Amino acid sequence: MATVALVWGILAFVGFGFGLLPCLGWMNWANIPFALVGAIVAAVAWSKESRPGGRPAPAVAGLVLSLVAVTVGLVRLWLGGGIL
C-alpha cells in the first residue's frame, strides 16, 4: 500500500506541475481532490505498515508529495482567481 501511495503522490505532483503552466490552472480543480485522496491513502499506509525501526519511506514520500500538490494547487487557484 505504501508503493501505491508513492505512485499516487508522484502523479499528483506531476498534475500540480501541469497546473502551474499558464492557462492550465483549471487543472488544479481536478488535481486537488486527486491529491487529497492520495494523502489519505498515504496516511493509511503510513499508519498500517509500520516497520519495527520506523515508518515506511514510500508512504511518507507519497504523503509529502500529495500535500505539496494540494497546498501549491490551492495557492495557484487563489492567485489566479480560481480560473487561470
Protein backbone atom coordinates (compact mmCIF):
# COMPACT_ATOMS: atom_id res chain seq x y z
CA MET A 1 0.00 0.00 0.00
CA ALA A 2 2.96 2.29 0.60
CA THR A 3 4.01 1.87 -3.03
CA VAL A 4 0.51 2.83 -4.19
CA ALA A 5 0.73 5.94 -2.01
CA LEU A 6 4.09 6.86 -3.54
CA VAL A 7 2.85 6.42 -7.12
CA TRP A 8 -0.29 8.41 -6.31
CA GLY A 9 1.82 11.19 -4.81
CA ILE A 10 4.06 11.29 -7.88
CA LEU A 11 1.03 11.51 -10.20
CA ALA A 12 -0.47 14.28 -8.06
CA PHE A 13 2.83 16.17 -8.12
CA VAL A 14 3.07 15.87 -11.92
CA GLY A 15 -0.54 17.10 -12.21
CA PHE A 16 0.33 20.04 -10.00
CA GLY A 17 3.26 20.82 -12.30
CA PHE A 18 0.94 20.98 -15.31
CA GLY A 19 -1.43 23.16 -13.29
CA LEU A 20 1.33 25.74 -12.88
CA LEU A 21 1.60 26.32 -16.61
CA PRO A 22 -0.13 29.41 -17.95
CA CYS A 23 -3.76 28.81 -19.00
CA LEU A 24 -3.75 25.35 -17.37
CA GLY A 25 -4.55 26.45 -13.83
CA TRP A 26 -8.02 24.94 -14.20
CA MET A 27 -6.35 21.52 -13.93
CA ASN A 28 -5.93 22.17 -10.23
CA TRP A 29 -9.69 21.73 -9.78
CA ALA A 30 -9.23 18.05 -10.70
CA ASN A 31 -5.79 17.63 -9.18
CA ILE A 32 -6.61 18.85 -5.67
CA PRO A 33 -9.24 16.16 -4.94
CA PHE A 34 -6.96 13.56 -6.56
CA ALA A 35 -4.08 14.64 -4.32
CA LEU A 36 -6.32 14.67 -1.23
CA VAL A 37 -7.29 11.06 -1.87
CA GLY A 38 -3.59 10.29 -2.33
CA ALA A 39 -2.82 11.92 1.01
CA ILE A 40 -5.49 9.80 2.69
CA VAL A 41 -4.12 6.62 1.11
CA ALA A 42 -0.61 7.59 2.20
CA ALA A 43 -1.73 8.33 5.75
CA VAL A 44 -3.45 4.95 5.99
CA ALA A 45 -0.38 3.22 4.56
CA TRP A 46 1.82 5.10 6.99
CA SER A 47 -0.25 4.00 9.98
CA LYS A 48 -0.80 0.38 8.85
CA GLU A 49 2.59 -0.63 7.51
CA SER A 50 4.92 0.38 10.28
CA ARG A 51 8.28 -1.36 10.46
CA PRO A 52 9.99 -2.15 13.76
CA GLY A 53 12.59 0.55 13.07
CA GLY A 54 10.28 3.26 11.75
CA ARG A 55 7.67 4.20 9.17
CA PRO A 56 7.66 3.08 5.52
CA ALA A 57 9.54 5.64 3.47
CA PRO A 58 7.34 5.38 0.32
CA ALA A 59 4.22 6.24 2.33
CA VAL A 60 5.91 9.28 3.83
CA ALA A 61 7.13 10.43 0.42
CA GLY A 62 3.65 9.95 -1.07
CA LEU A 63 2.10 11.92 1.78
CA VAL A 64 4.56 14.79 1.37
CA LEU A 65 4.13 14.93 -2.42
CA SER A 66 0.34 14.86 -2.14
CA LEU A 67 0.24 17.58 0.50
CA VAL A 68 2.61 19.78 -1.51
CA ALA A 69 0.38 19.31 -4.58
CA VAL A 70 -2.71 20.30 -2.57
CA THR A 71 -1.08 23.30 -0.94
CA VAL A 72 0.52 24.76 -4.04
CA GLY A 73 -2.57 23.97 -6.12
CA LEU A 74 -4.76 25.89 -3.69
CA VAL A 75 -2.34 28.83 -3.71
CA ARG A 76 -2.28 28.76 -7.52
CA LEU A 77 -6.09 28.80 -7.69
CA TRP A 78 -6.22 31.61 -5.15
CA LEU A 79 -3.71 33.73 -7.08
CA GLY A 80 -5.41 33.02 -10.42
CA GLY A 81 -8.87 33.82 -9.13
CA GLY A 82 -9.92 30.17 -9.42
CA ILE A 83 -9.78 30.10 -13.21
CA LEU A 84 -6.33 30.67 -14.61
